Amino acid sequence: MAIRAILSLLEDDQSRLWAGTYEDGLYMIDLKSNQVQSYRKGGAMSELLVDDIRVIHQIDNGDPHRYQLWWSVLV
């Protein structure tokens, strides 16, 4: 995993660490299993429009089993 720069980090309620990067997309690291999933522009499991993820924010909707992640990008 050769990442140029990490711009934002967020640990969610399910012990996953999300990393927004400079031109390398979004990464999810499961802190329980140590598995890493990457999300890149044009990837099979991704709807990212760009690979430059500046800010990651978790929105709590009151349900402990569901929440939303939002991220901001530079276009």
Protein backbone atom coordinates (compact mmCIF):
# COMPACT_ATOMS: atom_id res chain seq x y z
CA MET A 1 0.00 0.00 0.00
CA ALA A 2 1.95 3.01 -1.28
CA ILE A 3 -0.02 6.07 -0.20
CA ARG A 4 1.34 9.52 -1.02
CA ALA A 5 -0.37 11.38 1.83
CA ILE A 6 -3.19 10.74 4.30
CA LEU A 7 -5.41 13.82 4.56
CA SER A 8 -8.08 12.60 6.99
CA LEU A 9 -8.72 9.77 9.45
CA LEU A 10 -11.89 8.56 11.14
CA GLU A 11 -12.51 5.56 13.38
CA ASP A 12 -16.15 4.52 13.09
CA ASP A 13 -18.41 2.76 15.60
CA GLN A 14 -17.53 -0.67 14.17
CA SER A 15 -13.77 -0.38 14.87
CA ARG A 16 -12.91 0.46 11.29
CA LEU A 17 -10.38 3.13 10.46
CA TRP A 18 -11.15 5.18 7.33
CA ALA A 19 -8.30 7.03 5.65
CA GLY A 20 -8.84 9.71 3.03
CA THR A 21 -5.80 10.21 0.86
CA TYR A 22 -4.25 12.61 -1.62
CA GLU A 23 -4.96 11.09 -5.06
CA ASP A 24 -5.02 7.49 -3.73
CA GLY A 25 -8.70 7.17 -2.83
CA LEU A 26 -10.34 6.00 0.37
CA TYR A 27 -9.10 3.14 2.55
CA MET A 28 -10.96 1.16 5.19
CA ILE A 29 -8.89 -0.77 7.72
CA ASP A 30 -10.82 -3.23 9.91
CA LEU A 31 -9.04 -2.90 13.25
CA LYS A 32 -10.43 -6.26 14.46
CA SER A 33 -9.30 -8.38 11.50
CA ASN A 34 -6.52 -6.11 10.12
CA GLN A 35 -8.05 -6.40 6.64
CA VAL A 36 -7.72 -3.43 4.30
CA GLN A 37 -10.18 -2.43 1.57
CA SER A 38 -9.42 0.35 -0.90
CA TYR A 39 -11.93 2.44 -2.82
CA ARG A 40 -10.66 4.22 -5.91
CA LYS A 41 -12.23 6.21 -8.71
CA GLY A 42 -13.61 3.75 -11.27
CA GLY A 43 -13.12 0.75 -8.97
CA ALA A 44 -15.56 -2.16 -8.93
CA MET A 45 -16.72 -1.48 -5.34
CA SER A 46 -16.53 2.28 -5.51
CA GLU A 47 -18.66 5.22 -6.52
CA LEU A 48 -15.91 7.76 -5.95
CA LEU A 49 -15.72 10.49 -8.55
CA VAL A 50 -12.19 11.50 -7.56
CA ASP A 51 -9.36 9.94 -5.53
CA ASP A 52 -8.59 13.06 -3.45
CA ILE A 53 -10.52 12.60 -0.15
CA ARG A 54 -10.07 15.67 2.07
CA VAL A 55 -12.48 15.14 5.01
CA ILE A 56 -14.38 12.14 6.39
CA HIS A 57 -17.34 12.65 8.72
CA GLN A 58 -19.66 10.16 10.41
CA ILE A 59 -23.31 11.12 10.88
CA ASP A 60 -25.13 9.39 13.73
CA ASN A 61 -28.81 8.93 12.95
CA GLY A 62 -29.72 7.50 16.37
CA ASP A 63 -29.62 3.83 15.32
CA PRO A 64 -26.49 2.13 16.76
CA HIS A 65 -26.42 -0.32 13.84
CA ARG A 66 -26.69 2.25 11.04
CA TYR A 67 -24.88 5.45 10.30
CA GLN A 68 -23.65 7.38 7.30
CA LEU A 69 -20.16 8.35 6.26
CA TRP A 70 -19.69 11.53 4.26
CA TRP A 71 -16.50 12.73 2.67
CA SER A 72 -15.49 15.88 0.90
CA VAL A 73 -13.34 15.99 -2.18
CA LEU A 74 -11.39 18.52 -4.18
CA VAL A 75 -12.46 18.63 -7.81
